[in-house]
PDB file of N, CA and C in Angstrom:
ATOM      1  N   MET A   1     -44.750 -47.758-103.339  1.00  0.00           N
ATOM      2  CA  MET A   1     -45.451 -49.024-103.331  1.00  0.00           C
ATOM      3  C   MET A   1     -44.464 -50.143-103.049  1.00  0.00           C
ATOM      4  N   LYS A   2     -44.923 -51.147-102.321  1.00  0.00           N
ATOM      5  CA  LYS A   2     -44.069 -52.271-101.937  1.00  0.00           C
ATOM      6  C   LYS A   2     -44.070 -53.317-103.065  1.00  0.00           C
ATOM      7  N   VAL A   3     -42.861 -53.680-103.519  1.00  0.00           N
ATOM      8  CA  VAL A   3     -42.690 -54.607-104.647  1.00  0.00           C
ATOM      9  C   VAL A   3     -41.768 -55.728-104.255  1.00  0.00           C
ATOM     10  N   VAL A   4     -42.289 -56.961-104.261  1.00  0.00           N
ATOM     11  CA  VAL A   4     -41.457 -58.130-104.000  1.00  0.00           C
ATOM     12  C   VAL A   4     -40.804 -58.518-105.313  1.00  0.00           C
ATOM     13  N   VAL A   5     -39.439 -58.581-105.265  1.00  0.00           N
ATOM     14  CA  VAL A   5     -38.653 -59.019-106.436  1.00  0.00           C
ATOM     15  C   VAL A   5     -38.243 -60.453-106.161  1.00  0.00           C
ATOM     16  N   LEU A   6     -38.964 -61.398-106.732  1.00  0.00           N
ATOM     17  CA  LEU A   6     -38.748 -62.799-106.477  1.00  0.00           C
ATOM     18  C   LEU A   6     -37.759 -63.387-107.479  1.00  0.00           C
ATOM     19  N   GLY A   7     -36.632 -63.812-106.934  1.00  0.00           N
ATOM     20  CA  GLY A   7     -35.519 -64.269-107.783  1.00  0.00           C
ATOM     21  C   GLY A   7     -34.416 -63.235-107.831  1.00  0.00           C
ATOM     22  N   ALA A   8     -34.366 -62.394-106.782  1.00  0.00           N
ATOM     23  CA  ALA A   8     -33.341 -61.351-106.737  1.00  0.00           C
ATOM     24  C   ALA A   8     -31.936 -61.951-106.669  1.00  0.00           C
ATOM     25  N   SER A   9     -31.005 -61.292-107.326  1.00  0.00           N
ATOM     26  CA  SER A   9     -29.621 -61.780-107.390  1.00  0.00           C
ATOM     27  C   SER A   9     -28.676 -60.644-106.974  1.00  0.00           C
ATOM     28  N   PRO A  10     -27.592 -61.013-106.263  1.00  0.00           N
ATOM     29  CA  PRO A  10     -26.581 -59.999-105.921  1.00  0.00           C
ATOM     30  C   PRO A  10     -25.628 -59.680-107.099  1.00  0.00           C
ATOM     31  N   ASN A  11     -25.871 -60.313-108.217  1.00  0.00           N
ATOM     32  CA  ASN A  11     -24.999 -60.138-109.410  1.00  0.00           C
ATOM     33  C   ASN A  11     -25.494 -58.905-110.180  1.00  0.00           C
ATOM     34  N   PRO A  12     -24.677 -57.861-110.276  1.00  0.00           N
ATOM     35  CA  PRO A  12     -25.089 -56.620-110.999  1.00  0.00           C
ATOM     36  C   PRO A  12     -25.446 -56.811-112.475  1.00  0.00           C
ATOM     37  N   ALA A  13     -25.048 -57.930-113.059  1.00  0.00           N
ATOM     38  CA  ALA A  13     -25.367 -58.173-114.462  1.00  0.00           C
ATOM     39  C   ALA A  13     -26.771 -58.725-114.636  1.00  0.00           C
ATOM     40  N   ARG A  14     -27.425 -59.163-113.548  1.00  0.00           N
ATOM     41  CA  ARG A  14     -28.744 -59.783-113.651  1.00  0.00           C
ATOM     42  C   ARG A  14     -29.847 -58.741-113.669  1.00  0.00           C
ATOM     43  N   TYR A  15     -30.920 -59.042-114.405  1.00  0.00           N
ATOM     44  CA  TYR A  15     -32.025 -58.106-114.522  1.00  0.00           C
ATOM     45  C   TYR A  15     -32.736 -57.852-113.196  1.00  0.00           C
ATOM     46  N   SER A  16     -32.761 -58.875-112.342  1.00  0.00           N
ATOM     47  CA  SER A  16     -33.413 -58.709-111.050  1.00  0.00           C
ATOM     48  C   SER A  16     -32.665 -57.664-110.200  1.00  0.00           C
ATOM     49  N   TYR A  17     -31.348 -57.645-110.282  1.00  0.00           N
ATOM     50  CA  TYR A  17     -30.535 -56.681-109.575  1.00  0.00           C
ATOM     51  C   TYR A  17     -30.852 -55.291-110.106  1.00  0.00           C
ATOM     52  N   LYS A  18     -30.893 -55.152-111.430  1.00  0.00           N
ATOM     53  CA  LYS A  18     -31.207 -53.845-112.069  1.00  0.00           C
ATOM     54  C   LYS A  18     -32.595 -53.396-111.699  1.00  0.00           C
ATOM     55  N   ALA A  19     -33.534 -54.312-111.590  1.00  0.00           N
ATOM     56  CA  ALA A  19     -34.938 -53.969-111.246  1.00  0.00           C
ATOM     57  C   ALA A  19     -34.989 -53.384-109.844  1.00  0.00           C
ATOM     58  N   VAL A  20     -34.294 -53.989-108.881  1.00  0.00           N
ATOM     59  CA  VAL A  20     -34.307 -53.479-107.531  1.00  0.00           C
ATOM     60  C   VAL A  20     -33.776 -52.054-107.493  1.00  0.00           C
ATOM     61  N   ARG A  21     -32.688 -51.791-108.177  1.00  0.00           N
ATOM     62  CA  ARG A  21     -32.062 -50.449-108.221  1.00  0.00           C
ATOM     63  C   ARG A  21     -33.019 -49.449-108.863  1.00  0.00           C
ATOM     64  N   LEU A  22     -33.661 -49.845-109.966  1.00  0.00           N
ATOM     65  CA  LEU A  22     -34.540 -48.908-110.677  1.00  0.00           C
ATOM     66  C   LEU A  22     -35.843 -48.671-109.874  1.00  0.00           C
ATOM     67  N   LEU A  23     -36.337 -49.702-109.201  1.00  0.00           N
ATOM     68  CA  LEU A  23     -37.523 -49.515-108.321  1.00  0.00           C
ATOM     69  C   LEU A  23     -37.202 -48.477-107.251  1.00  0.00           C
ATOM     70  N   LEU A  24     -36.011 -48.573-106.666  1.00  0.00           N
ATOM     71  CA  LEU A  24     -35.576 -47.608-105.628  1.00  0.00           C
ATOM     72  C   LEU A  24     -35.555 -46.195-106.202  1.00  0.00           C
ATOM     73  N   ARG A  25     -34.964 -46.057-107.365  1.00  0.00           N
ATOM     74  CA  ARG A  25     -34.837 -44.737-108.004  1.00  0.00           C
ATOM     75  C   ARG A  25     -36.189 -44.126-108.337  1.00  0.00           C
ATOM     76  N   HIS A  26     -37.170 -44.991-108.562  1.00  0.00           N
ATOM     77  CA  HIS A  26     -38.516 -44.515-108.889  1.00  0.00           C
ATOM     78  C   HIS A  26     -39.388 -44.331-107.659  1.00  0.00           C
ATOM     79  N   GLY A  27     -38.779 -44.482-106.468  1.00  0.00           N
ATOM     80  CA  GLY A  27     -39.484 -44.226-105.259  1.00  0.00           C
ATOM     81  C   GLY A  27     -40.309 -45.369-104.683  1.00  0.00           C
ATOM     82  N   HIS A  28     -40.093 -46.566-105.200  1.00  0.00           N
ATOM     83  CA  HIS A  28     -40.826 -47.752-104.706  1.00  0.00           C
ATOM     84  C   HIS A  28     -40.024 -48.408-103.580  1.00  0.00           C
ATOM     85  N   GLU A  29     -40.630 -49.343-102.899  1.00  0.00           N
ATOM     86  CA  GLU A  29     -39.970 -50.094-101.823  1.00  0.00           C
ATOM     87  C   GLU A  29     -39.770 -51.536-102.261  1.00  0.00           C
ATOM     88  N   PRO A  30     -38.588 -51.823-102.853  1.00  0.00           N
ATOM     89  CA  PRO A  30     -38.356 -53.202-103.307  1.00  0.00           C
ATOM     90  C   PRO A  30     -37.986 -54.116-102.131  1.00  0.00           C
ATOM     91  N   ILE A  31     -38.528 -55.335-102.181  1.00  0.00           N
ATOM     92  CA  ILE A  31     -38.227 -56.382-101.197  1.00  0.00           C
ATOM     93  C   ILE A  31     -37.568 -57.508-101.986  1.00  0.00           C
ATOM     94  N   PRO A  32     -36.228 -57.533-102.058  1.00  0.00           N
ATOM     95  CA  PRO A  32     -35.563 -58.563-102.843  1.00  0.00           C
ATOM     96  C   PRO A  32     -35.520 -59.925-102.108  1.00  0.00           C
ATOM     97  N   ILE A  33     -36.054 -60.934-102.752  1.00  0.00           N
ATOM     98  CA  ILE A  33     -36.062 -62.282-102.213  1.00  0.00           C
ATOM     99  C   ILE A  33     -35.336 -63.206-103.194  1.00  0.00           C
ATOM    100  N   GLY A  34     -34.328 -63.922-102.677  1.00  0.00           N
ATOM    101  CA  GLY A  34     -33.532 -64.761-103.577  1.00  0.00           C
ATOM    102  C   GLY A  34     -32.996 -65.970-102.855  1.00  0.00           C
ATOM    103  N   ILE A  35     -32.163 -66.729-103.563  1.00  0.00           N
ATOM    104  CA  ILE A  35     -31.598 -67.955-102.988  1.00  0.00           C
ATOM    105  C   ILE A  35     -30.170 -67.739-102.511  1.00  0.00           C
ATOM    106  N   ARG A  36     -29.578 -66.607-102.884  1.00  0.00           N
ATOM    107  CA  ARG A  36     -28.219 -66.281-102.438  1.00  0.00           C
ATOM    108  C   ARG A  36     -28.217 -65.059-101.543  1.00  0.00           C
ATOM    109  N   GLU A  37     -27.347 -65.107-100.522  1.00  0.00           N
ATOM    110  CA  GLU A  37     -27.209 -63.915 -99.684  1.00  0.00           C
ATOM    111  C   GLU A  37     -26.504 -62.827-100.461  1.00  0.00           C
ATOM    112  N   GLY A  38     -26.698 -61.630-100.029  1.00  0.00           N
ATOM    113  CA  GLY A  38     -26.065 -60.489-100.660  1.00  0.00           C
ATOM    114  C   GLY A  38     -26.924 -59.275-100.465  1.00  0.00           C
ATOM    115  N   GLU A  39     -26.532 -58.205-101.151  1.00  0.00           N
ATOM    116  CA  GLU A  39     -27.369 -57.004-101.065  1.00  0.00           C
ATOM    117  C   GLU A  39     -27.321 -56.241-102.361  1.00  0.00           C
ATOM    118  N   ILE A  40     -28.296 -55.389-102.517  1.00  0.00           N
ATOM    119  CA  ILE A  40     -28.423 -54.551-103.695  1.00  0.00           C
ATOM    120  C   ILE A  40     -28.649 -53.112-103.211  1.00  0.00           C
ATOM    121  N   ASP A  41     -27.698 -52.282-103.471  1.00  0.00           N
ATOM    122  CA  ASP A  41     -27.738 -50.898-103.019  1.00  0.00           C
ATOM    123  C   ASP A  41     -28.092 -50.760-101.546  1.00  0.00           C
ATOM    124  N   GLY A  42     -27.491 -51.605-100.717  1.00  0.00           N
ATOM    125  CA  GLY A  42     -27.703 -51.548 -99.294  1.00  0.00           C
ATOM    126  C   GLY A  42     -28.914 -52.289 -98.787  1.00  0.00           C
ATOM    127  N   ILE A  43     -29.700 -52.874 -99.676  1.00  0.00           N
ATOM    128  CA  ILE A  43     -30.856 -53.647 -99.270  1.00  0.00           C
ATOM    129  C   ILE A  43     -30.474 -55.119 -99.261  1.00  0.00           C
ATOM    130  N   LYS A  44     -30.648 -55.763 -98.116  1.00  0.00           N
ATOM    131  CA  LYS A  44     -30.290 -57.145 -97.971  1.00  0.00           C
ATOM    132  C   LYS A  44     -31.250 -58.055 -98.716  1.00  0.00           C
ATOM    133  N   ILE A  45     -30.710 -58.993 -99.456  1.00  0.00           N
ATOM    134  CA  ILE A  45     -31.519 -60.010-100.135  1.00  0.00           C
ATOM    135  C   ILE A  45     -31.990 -60.986 -99.095  1.00  0.00           C
ATOM    136  N   ILE A  46     -33.301 -61.230 -99.044  1.00  0.00           N
ATOM    137  CA  ILE A  46     -33.896 -62.118 -98.058  1.00  0.00           C
ATOM    138  C   ILE A  46     -33.974 -63.515 -98.648  1.00  0.00           C
ATOM    139  N   LYS A  47     -33.520 -64.512 -97.887  1.00  0.00           N
ATOM    140  CA  LYS A  47     -33.668 -65.895 -98.344  1.00  0.00           C
ATOM    141  C   LYS A  47     -34.933 -66.474 -97.734  1.00  0.00           C
ATOM    142  N   GLY A  48     -35.511 -67.459 -98.415  1.00  0.00           N
ATOM    143  CA  GLY A  48     -36.709 -68.132 -97.899  1.00  0.00           C
ATOM    144  C   GLY A  48     -37.977 -67.474 -98.405  1.00  0.00           C
ATOM    145  N   MET A  49     -39.004 -67.589 -97.587  1.00  0.00           N
ATOM    146  CA  MET A  49     -40.317 -67.043 -97.942  1.00  0.00           C
ATOM    147  C   MET A  49     -40.874 -66.213 -96.786  1.00  0.00           C
ATOM    148  N   PRO A  50     -40.317 -65.049 -96.580  1.00  0.00           N
ATOM    149  CA  PRO A  50     -40.755 -64.214 -95.460  1.00  0.00           C
ATOM    150  C   PRO A  50     -42.151 -63.644 -95.649  1.00  0.00           C
ATOM    151  N   GLN A  51     -42.849 -63.487 -94.542  1.00  0.00           N
ATOM    152  CA  GLN A  51     -44.171 -62.872 -94.632  1.00  0.00           C
ATOM    153  C   GLN A  51     -43.945 -61.372 -94.847  1.00  0.00           C
ATOM    154  N   VAL A  52     -44.563 -60.849 -95.876  1.00  0.00           N
ATOM    155  CA  VAL A  52     -44.481 -59.415 -96.177  1.00  0.00           C
ATOM    156  C   VAL A  52     -45.897 -58.902 -96.310  1.00  0.00           C
ATOM    157  N   ASN A  53     -46.192 -57.826 -95.599  1.00  0.00           N
ATOM    158  CA  ASN A  53     -47.530 -57.250 -95.644  1.00  0.00           C
ATOM    159  C   ASN A  53     -47.627 -56.103 -96.647  1.00  0.00           C
ATOM    160  N   ASP A  54     -48.846 -55.838 -97.094  1.00  0.00           N
ATOM    161  CA  ASP A  54     -49.142 -54.685 -97.971  1.00  0.00           C
ATOM    162  C   ASP A  54     -48.343 -54.721 -99.261  1.00  0.00           C
ATOM    163  N   VAL A  55     -48.199 -55.892 -99.879  1.00  0.00           N
ATOM    164  CA  VAL A  55     -47.498 -56.021-101.145  1.00  0.00           C
ATOM    165  C   VAL A  55     -48.407 -55.569-102.274  1.00  0.00           C
ATOM    166  N   HIS A  56     -47.907 -54.638-103.072  1.00  0.00           N
ATOM    167  CA  HIS A  56     -48.682 -54.207-104.244  1.00  0.00           C
ATOM    168  C   HIS A  56     -48.401 -55.123-105.422  1.00  0.00           C
ATOM    169  N   THR A  57     -47.110 -55.354-105.673  1.00  0.00           N
ATOM    170  CA  THR A  57     -46.712 -56.085-106.862  1.00  0.00           C
ATOM    171  C   THR A  57     -45.634 -57.132-106.533  1.00  0.00           C
ATOM    172  N   VAL A  58     -45.749 -58.271-107.169  1.00  0.00           N
ATOM    173  CA  VAL A  58     -44.667 -59.264-107.187  1.00  0.00           C
ATOM    174  C   VAL A  58     -44.147 -59.287-108.602  1.00  0.00           C
ATOM    175  N   THR A  59     -42.833 -59.103-108.786  1.00  0.00           N
ATOM    176  CA  THR A  59     -42.247 -59.200-110.114  1.00  0.00           C
ATOM    177  C   THR A  59     -41.325 -60.433-110.122  1.00  0.00           C
ATOM    178  N   LEU A  60     -41.555 -61.298-111.091  1.00  0.00           N
ATOM    179  CA  LEU A  60     -40.899 -62.592-111.126  1.00  0.00           C
ATOM    180  C   LEU A  60     -39.640 -62.622-111.979  1.00  0.00           C
ATOM    181  N   TYR A  61     -38.582 -63.152-111.395  1.00  0.00           N
ATOM    182  CA  TYR A  61     -37.313 -63.409-112.118  1.00  0.00           C
ATOM    183  C   TYR A  61     -36.905 -64.854-111.918  1.00  0.00           C
ATOM    184  N   LEU A  62     -37.883 -65.729-111.888  1.00  0.00           N
ATOM    185  CA  LEU A  62     -37.686 -67.184-111.788  1.00  0.00           C
ATOM    186  C   LEU A  62     -38.395 -67.852-112.944  1.00  0.00           C
ATOM    187  N   GLY A  63     -37.767 -68.817-113.572  1.00  0.00           N
ATOM    188  CA  GLY A  63     -38.437 -69.552-114.632  1.00  0.00           C
ATOM    189  C   GLY A  63     -39.588 -70.381-114.087  1.00  0.00           C
ATOM    190  N   PRO A  64     -40.526 -70.789-114.982  1.00  0.00           N
ATOM    191  CA  PRO A  64     -41.698 -71.545-114.547  1.00  0.00           C
ATOM    192  C   PRO A  64     -41.396 -72.755-113.673  1.00  0.00           C
ATOM    193  N   ALA A  65     -40.356 -73.491-113.975  1.00  0.00           N
ATOM    194  CA  ALA A  65     -40.019 -74.715-113.200  1.00  0.00           C
ATOM    195  C   ALA A  65     -39.671 -74.363-111.729  1.00  0.00           C
ATOM    196  N   ARG A  66     -39.031 -73.214-111.534  1.00  0.00           N
ATOM    197  CA  ARG A  66     -38.626 -72.819-110.168  1.00  0.00           C
ATOM    198  C   ARG A  66     -39.763 -72.096-109.439  1.00  0.00           C
ATOM    199  N   GLN A  67     -40.790 -71.654-110.185  1.00  0.00           N
ATOM    200  CA  GLN A  67     -41.901 -70.959-109.575  1.00  0.00           C
ATOM    201  C   GLN A  67     -42.805 -71.873-108.745  1.00  0.00           C
ATOM    202  N   LYS A  68     -42.911 -73.140-109.130  1.00  0.00           N
ATOM    203  CA  LYS A  68     -43.868 -74.051-108.502  1.00  0.00           C
ATOM    204  C   LYS A  68     -43.759 -74.035-106.963  1.00  0.00           C
ATOM    205  N   GLN A  69     -42.538 -74.046-106.464  1.00  0.00           N
ATOM    206  CA  GLN A  69     -42.366 -74.111-104.990  1.00  0.00           C
ATOM    207  C   GLN A  69     -42.815 -72.783-104.333  1.00  0.00           C
ATOM    208  N   TYR A  70     -43.049 -71.750-105.115  1.00  0.00           N
ATOM    209  CA  TYR A  70     -43.472 -70.443-104.589  1.00  0.00           C
ATOM    210  C   TYR A  70     -44.940 -70.149-104.823  1.00  0.00           C
ATOM    211  N   TYR A  71     -45.691 -71.041-105.440  1.00  0.00           N
ATOM    212  CA  TYR A  71     -47.119 -70.772-105.731  1.00  0.00           C
ATOM    213  C   TYR A  71     -47.882 -70.304-104.485  1.00  0.00           C
ATOM    214  N   ASP A  72     -47.855 -71.131-103.449  1.00  0.00           N
ATOM    215  CA  ASP A  72     -48.605 -70.790-102.208  1.00  0.00           C
ATOM    216  C   ASP A  72     -48.087 -69.534-101.587  1.00  0.00           C
ATOM    217  N   TYR A  73     -46.779 -69.347-101.653  1.00  0.00           N
ATOM    218  CA  TYR A  73     -46.177 -68.145-101.054  1.00  0.00           C
ATOM    219  C   TYR A  73     -46.667 -66.888-101.780  1.00  0.00           C
ATOM    220  N   ILE A  74     -46.611 -66.921-103.094  1.00  0.00           N
ATOM    221  CA  ILE A  74     -47.047 -65.750-103.891  1.00  0.00           C
ATOM    222  C   ILE A  74     -48.505 -65.431-103.574  1.00  0.00           C
ATOM    223  N   LEU A  75     -49.329 -66.457-103.531  1.00  0.00           N
ATOM    224  CA  LEU A  75     -50.753 -66.272-103.205  1.00  0.00           C
ATOM    225  C   LEU A  75     -50.953 -65.705-101.806  1.00  0.00           C
ATOM    226  N   SER A  76     -50.083 -66.152-100.856  1.00  0.00           N
ATOM    227  CA  SER A  76     -50.220 -65.699 -99.476  1.00  0.00           C
ATOM    228  C   SER A  76     -49.886 -64.201 -99.347  1.00  0.00           C
ATOM    229  N   LEU A  77     -49.121 -63.670-100.253  1.00  0.00           N
ATOM    230  CA  LEU A  77     -48.736 -62.237-100.197  1.00  0.00           C
ATOM    231  C   LEU A  77     -49.937 -61.341-100.583  1.00  0.00           C
ATOM    232  N   LYS A  78     -50.918 -61.913-101.268  1.00  0.00           N
ATOM    233  CA  LYS A  78     -52.112 -61.187-101.701  1.00  0.00           C
ATOM    234  C   LYS A  78     -51.744 -59.900-102.464  1.00  0.00           C
ATOM    235  N   PRO A  79     -50.885 -60.044-103.491  1.00  0.00           N
ATOM    236  CA  PRO A  79     -50.530 -58.828-104.253  1.00  0.00           C
ATOM    237  C   PRO A  79     -51.684 -58.360-105.126  1.00  0.00           C
ATOM    238  N   GLN A  80     -51.631 -57.115-105.535  1.00  0.00           N
ATOM    239  CA  GLN A  80     -52.632 -56.629-106.465  1.00  0.00           C
ATOM    240  C   GLN A  80     -52.314 -57.120-107.878  1.00  0.00           C
ATOM    241  N   ARG A  81     -50.995 -57.287-108.151  1.00  0.00           N
ATOM    242  CA  ARG A  81     -50.609 -57.796-109.487  1.00  0.00           C
ATOM    243  C   ARG A  81     -49.318 -58.546-109.402  1.00  0.00           C
ATOM    244  N   VAL A  82     -49.103 -59.402-110.421  1.00  0.00           N
ATOM    245  CA  VAL A  82     -47.875 -60.148-110.564  1.00  0.00           C
ATOM    246  C   VAL A  82     -47.361 -59.888-111.970  1.00  0.00           C
ATOM    247  N   ILE A  83     -46.102 -59.476-112.060  1.00  0.00           N
ATOM    248  CA  ILE A  83     -45.478 -59.208-113.373  1.00  0.00           C
ATOM    249  C   ILE A  83     -44.609 -60.427-113.748  1.00  0.00           C
ATOM    250  N   PHE A  84     -44.908 -60.975-114.920  1.00  0.00           N
ATOM    251  CA  PHE A  84     -44.124 -62.076-115.475  1.00  0.00           C
ATOM    252  C   PHE A  84     -43.140 -61.448-116.468  1.00  0.00           C
ATOM    253  N   ASN A  85     -41.872 -61.345-116.055  1.00  0.00           N
ATOM    254  CA  ASN A  85     -40.846 -60.816-116.915  1.00  0.00           C
ATOM    255  C   ASN A  85     -40.565 -61.802-118.040  1.00  0.00           C
ATOM    256  N   PRO A  86     -39.918 -61.378-119.132  1.00  0.00           N
ATOM    257  CA  PRO A  86     -39.612 -62.296-120.242  1.00  0.00           C
ATOM    258  C   PRO A  86     -38.895 -63.551-119.725  1.00  0.00           C
ATOM    259  N   GLY A  87     -39.406 -64.709-120.164  1.00  0.00           N
ATOM    260  CA  GLY A  87     -38.848 -65.987-119.760  1.00  0.00           C
ATOM    261  C   GLY A  87     -39.475 -66.580-118.505  1.00  0.00           C
ATOM    262  N   THR A  88     -40.395 -65.807-117.856  1.00  0.00           N
ATOM    263  CA  THR A  88     -41.022 -66.307-116.640  1.00  0.00           C
ATOM    264  C   THR A  88     -42.510 -66.606-116.871  1.00  0.00           C
ATOM    265  N   GLU A  89     -42.998 -66.447-118.086  1.00  0.00           N
ATOM    266  CA  GLU A  89     -44.396 -66.671-118.377  1.00  0.00           C
ATOM    267  C   GLU A  89     -44.821 -68.083-117.940  1.00  0.00           C
ATOM    268  N   ASN A  90     -46.010 -68.146-117.288  1.00  0.00           N
ATOM    269  CA  ASN A  90     -46.430 -69.434-116.728  1.00  0.00           C
ATOM    270  C   ASN A  90     -47.972 -69.471-116.697  1.00  0.00           C
ATOM    271  N   PRO A  91     -48.602 -70.074-117.703  1.00  0.00           N
ATOM    272  CA  PRO A  91     -50.057 -70.098-117.767  1.00  0.00           C
ATOM    273  C   PRO A  91     -50.700 -70.725-116.538  1.00  0.00           C
ATOM    274  N   GLU A  92     -50.101 -71.743-115.948  1.00  0.00           N
ATOM    275  CA  GLU A  92     -50.661 -72.391-114.760  1.00  0.00           C
ATOM    276  C   GLU A  92     -50.760 -71.385-113.599  1.00  0.00           C
ATOM    277  N   LEU A  93     -49.671 -70.706-113.325  1.00  0.00           N
ATOM    278  CA  LEU A  93     -49.675 -69.726-112.227  1.00  0.00           C
ATOM    279  C   LEU A  93     -50.578 -68.550-112.537  1.00  0.00           C
ATOM    280  N   GLU A  94     -50.563 -68.088-113.807  1.00  0.00           N
ATOM    281  CA  GLU A  94     -51.400 -66.961-114.212  1.00  0.00           C
ATOM    282  C   GLU A  94     -52.882 -67.283-113.970  1.00  0.00           C
ATOM    283  N   GLN A  95     -53.265 -68.526-114.255  1.00  0.00           N
ATOM    284  CA  GLN A  95     -54.651 -68.951-114.062  1.00  0.00           C
ATOM    285  C   GLN A  95     -55.009 -68.939-112.578  1.00  0.00           C
ATOM    286  N   MET A  96     -54.087 -69.416-111.748  1.00  0.00           N
ATOM    287  CA  MET A  96     -54.327 -69.421-110.308  1.00  0.00           C
ATOM    288  C   MET A  96     -54.519 -67.988-109.774  1.00  0.00           C
ATOM    289  N   LEU A  97     -53.686 -67.097-110.256  1.00  0.00           N
ATOM    290  CA  LEU A  97     -53.748 -65.688-109.793  1.00  0.00           C
ATOM    291  C   LEU A  97     -55.055 -65.029-110.267  1.00  0.00           C
ATOM    292  N   THR A  98     -55.348 -65.190-111.521  1.00  0.00           N
ATOM    293  CA  THR A  98     -56.557 -64.598-112.109  1.00  0.00           C
ATOM    294  C   THR A  98     -57.813 -65.104-111.372  1.00  0.00           C
ATOM    295  N   ALA A  99     -57.845 -66.380-111.029  1.00  0.00           N
ATOM    296  CA  ALA A  99     -58.981 -66.936-110.302  1.00  0.00           C
ATOM    297  C   ALA A  99     -59.167 -66.276-108.930  1.00  0.00           C
ATOM    298  N   ARG A 100     -58.095 -65.708-108.388  1.00  0.00           N
ATOM    299  CA  ARG A 100     -58.197 -65.018-107.096  1.00  0.00           C
ATOM    300  C   ARG A 100     -58.252 -63.492-107.246  1.00  0.00           C
ATOM    301  N   GLY A 101     -58.495 -63.044-108.471  1.00  0.00           N
ATOM    302  CA  GLY A 101     -58.681 -61.608-108.701  1.00  0.00           C
ATOM    303  C   GLY A 101     -57.390 -60.821-108.709  1.00  0.00           C
ATOM    304  N   ILE A 102     -56.269 -61.497-108.896  1.00  0.00           N
ATOM    305  CA  ILE A 102     -54.947 -60.827-108.943  1.00  0.00           C
ATOM    306  C   ILE A 102     -54.584 -60.599-110.413  1.00  0.00           C
ATOM    307  N   GLU A 103     -54.271 -59.335-110.718  1.00  0.00           N
ATOM    308  CA  GLU A 103     -53.911 -58.955-112.086  1.00  0.00           C
ATOM    309  C   GLU A 103     -52.602 -59.601-112.464  1.00  0.00           C
ATOM    310  N   THR A 104     -52.509 -60.121-113.687  1.00  0.00           N
ATOM    311  CA  THR A 104     -51.237 -60.658-114.202  1.00  0.00           C
ATOM    312  C   THR A 104     -50.818 -59.837-115.419  1.00  0.00           C
ATOM    313  N   VAL A 105     -49.531 -59.571-115.497  1.00  0.00           N
ATOM    314  CA  VAL A 105     -48.976 -58.768-116.586  1.00  0.00           C
ATOM    315  C   VAL A 105     -47.748 -59.496-117.131  1.00  0.00           C
ATOM    316  N   GLU A 106     -47.736 -59.698-118.451  1.00  0.00           N
ATOM    317  CA  GLU A 106     -46.529 -60.225-119.096  1.00  0.00           C
ATOM    318  C   GLU A 106     -45.816 -59.030-119.723  1.00  0.00           C
ATOM    319  N   ASN A 107     -44.762 -58.591-119.043  1.00  0.00           N
ATOM    320  CA  ASN A 107     -44.008 -57.436-119.534  1.00  0.00           C
ATOM    321  C   ASN A 107     -42.670 -57.426-118.787  1.00  0.00           C
ATOM    322  N   CYS A 108     -41.837 -56.457-119.114  1.00  0.00           N
ATOM    323  CA  CYS A 108     -40.558 -56.298-118.487  1.00  0.00           C
ATOM    324  C   CYS A 108     -40.615 -55.149-117.469  1.00  0.00           C
ATOM    325  N   THR A 109     -40.328 -55.461-116.232  1.00  0.00           N
ATOM    326  CA  THR A 109     -40.359 -54.443-115.173  1.00  0.00           C
ATOM    327  C   THR A 109     -39.492 -53.256-115.518  1.00  0.00           C
ATOM    328  N   LEU A 110     -38.288 -53.513-116.049  1.00  0.00           N
ATOM    329  CA  LEU A 110     -37.389 -52.404-116.382  1.00  0.00           C
ATOM    330  C   LEU A 110     -38.006 -51.482-117.470  1.00  0.00           C
ATOM    331  N   VAL A 111     -38.586 -52.074-118.481  1.00  0.00           N
ATOM    332  CA  VAL A 111     -39.240 -51.268-119.537  1.00  0.00           C
ATOM    333  C   VAL A 111     -40.423 -50.526-118.968  1.00  0.00           C
ATOM    334  N   MET A 112     -41.219 -51.200-118.125  1.00  0.00           N
ATOM    335  CA  MET A 112     -42.391 -50.561-117.554  1.00  0.00           C
ATOM    336  C   MET A 112     -41.978 -49.322-116.733  1.00  0.00           C
ATOM    337  N   LEU A 113     -40.903 -49.446-115.954  1.00  0.00           N
ATOM    338  CA  LEU A 113     -40.420 -48.319-115.141  1.00  0.00           C
ATOM    339  C   LEU A 113     -39.899 -47.190-116.047  1.00  0.00           C
ATOM    340  N   HIS A 114     -39.116 -47.550-117.051  1.00  0.00           N
ATOM    341  CA  HIS A 114     -38.545 -46.548-117.975  1.00  0.00           C
ATOM    342  C   HIS A 114     -39.591 -45.790-118.768  1.00  0.00           C
ATOM    343  N   THR A 115     -40.708 -46.452-119.078  1.00  0.00           N
ATOM    344  CA  THR A 115     -41.734 -45.824-119.906  1.00  0.00           C
ATOM    345  C   THR A 115     -42.883 -45.241-119.086  1.00  0.00           C
ATOM    346  N   GLY A 116     -42.828 -45.381-117.781  1.00  0.00           N
ATOM    347  CA  GLY A 116     -43.848 -44.774-116.932  1.00  0.00           C
ATOM    348  C   GLY A 116     -45.143 -45.525-116.824  1.00  0.00           C
ATOM    349  N   ILE A 117     -45.172 -46.831-117.250  1.00  0.00           N
ATOM    350  CA  ILE A 117     -46.428 -47.601-117.175  1.00  0.00           C
ATOM    351  C   ILE A 117     -46.417 -48.581-115.979  1.00  0.00           C
ATOM    352  N   PHE A 118     -45.426 -48.438-115.092  1.00  0.00           N
ATOM    353  CA  PHE A 118     -45.343 -49.345-113.959  1.00  0.00           C
ATOM    354  C   PHE A 118     -46.487 -49.103-113.002  1.00  0.00           C
TER     355      PHE A 118
END
């Protein structure tokens, strides 16, 4: 499944970096999008807001204040669900997504993958 990791970082200590690696190991297709150039396990981090088709999940690693500029972009991806990782919870965005029939989940992508509920 295609998963956009919004807020991806080339820093191995960041959770977004770990999420991309774990998504790969679990057979998913991560699309890392971030503000810094770099790569994660050979996958180039994409800057900006690229059009991505057939997105199943968007997993957020941006705080609510930084999410605002991505509202229209996230909606344009038409994901089936959006995961709000700890610290990214945003009732305003969740309401917008729910109104469009997009599932919202407040959970940790890493935990979801490790426990098999992803």
